[in-house]
Amino acid sequence: MHDIAALDRRGIPGCAVISEAFKPAAAAQSKSLGFEPAIVWVAHPIQNRTPDQLADLADAVIDAILSLIGRPSR
């Protein structure tokens, strides 16, 4: 959250891509920073996915990410 908040303060568009298991932590950090970040939520867990599964996950969320950072979707 600190990174995305720092980008926002500098006028650089960005979004966080966060595993759904971390929703409570993200909400708590957002509240403590007084910042409401753009977030794309992905299914948990991440670490045990194969490279092909990670590519599929990325393909599934890339349009949402691009729209949140102000770029047109592919």
Protein backbone atom coordinates (compact mmCIF):
# COMPACT_ATOMS: atom_id res chain seq x y z
CA MET A 1 0.00 0.00 0.00
CA HIS A 2 2.84 2.37 0.73
CA ASP A 3 4.19 1.98 -2.80
CA ILE A 4 0.87 2.62 -4.52
CA ALA A 5 0.19 5.58 -2.22
CA ALA A 6 3.62 7.05 -3.06
CA LEU A 7 2.94 6.67 -6.78
CA ASP A 8 -0.43 8.36 -6.35
CA ARG A 9 1.13 11.32 -4.51
CA ARG A 10 3.51 11.74 -7.46
CA GLY A 11 0.65 11.69 -9.96
CA ILE A 12 1.68 8.31 -11.38
CA PRO A 13 -1.28 6.06 -12.11
CA GLY A 14 -1.13 2.62 -10.60
CA CYS A 15 -3.06 -0.17 -8.98
CA ALA A 16 -2.34 -2.96 -6.59
CA VAL A 17 -2.85 -6.59 -7.58
CA ILE A 18 -3.62 -8.45 -4.37
CA SER A 19 -4.62 -11.98 -3.46
CA GLU A 20 -8.16 -12.16 -2.05
CA ALA A 21 -6.84 -13.64 1.19
CA PHE A 22 -5.33 -10.26 2.02
CA LYS A 23 -8.55 -8.19 1.82
CA PRO A 24 -8.64 -7.53 5.60
CA ALA A 25 -4.98 -6.49 5.66
CA ALA A 26 -5.43 -4.25 2.63
CA ALA A 27 -8.46 -2.59 4.21
CA ALA A 28 -6.57 -1.96 7.45
CA GLN A 29 -3.53 -0.51 5.67
CA SER A 30 -5.71 1.66 3.42
CA LYS A 31 -7.50 3.03 6.47
CA SER A 32 -4.27 3.73 8.35
CA LEU A 33 -2.79 5.51 5.32
CA GLY A 34 -5.98 7.46 4.63
CA PHE A 35 -5.76 6.27 1.05
CA GLU A 36 -8.19 4.30 -1.07
CA PRO A 37 -6.08 2.49 -3.67
CA ALA A 38 -7.21 1.00 -6.93
CA ILE A 39 -7.07 -2.75 -6.41
CA VAL A 40 -7.46 -5.76 -8.65
CA TRP A 41 -8.21 -8.87 -6.59
CA VAL A 42 -6.95 -12.28 -7.70
CA ALA A 43 -7.65 -15.76 -6.39
CA HIS A 44 -5.51 -17.13 -3.58
CA PRO A 45 -3.00 -18.78 -3.40
CA ILE A 46 -0.44 -17.48 -5.88
CA GLN A 47 2.84 -19.11 -4.88
CA ASN A 48 2.02 -22.67 -5.89
CA ARG A 49 0.80 -21.91 -9.40
CA THR A 50 2.59 -23.09 -12.49
CA PRO A 51 3.95 -20.56 -14.98
CA ASP A 52 1.04 -21.34 -17.31
CA GLN A 53 -1.48 -20.82 -14.50
CA LEU A 54 0.14 -17.49 -13.61
CA ALA A 55 -0.03 -16.42 -17.26
CA ASP A 56 -3.74 -17.33 -17.34
CA LEU A 57 -4.31 -15.36 -14.14
CA ALA A 58 -2.52 -12.34 -15.59
CA ASP A 59 -4.50 -12.59 -18.83
CA ALA A 60 -7.72 -12.63 -16.81
CA VAL A 61 -6.96 -9.35 -15.02
CA ILE A 62 -4.87 -7.32 -17.48
CA ASP A 63 -7.84 -5.39 -18.87
CA ALA A 64 -8.95 -4.41 -15.34
CA ILE A 65 -5.41 -3.29 -14.52
CA LEU A 66 -5.11 -1.23 -17.69
CA SER A 67 -8.46 0.45 -17.09
CA LEU A 68 -7.50 1.37 -13.52
CA ILE A 69 -4.26 3.00 -14.62
CA GLY A 70 -6.04 4.94 -17.33
CA ARG A 71 -4.89 3.05 -20.38
CA PRO A 72 -7.29 1.56 -22.91
CA SER A 73 -7.91 -2.18 -22.68
CA ARG A 74 -6.30 -4.46 -25.22
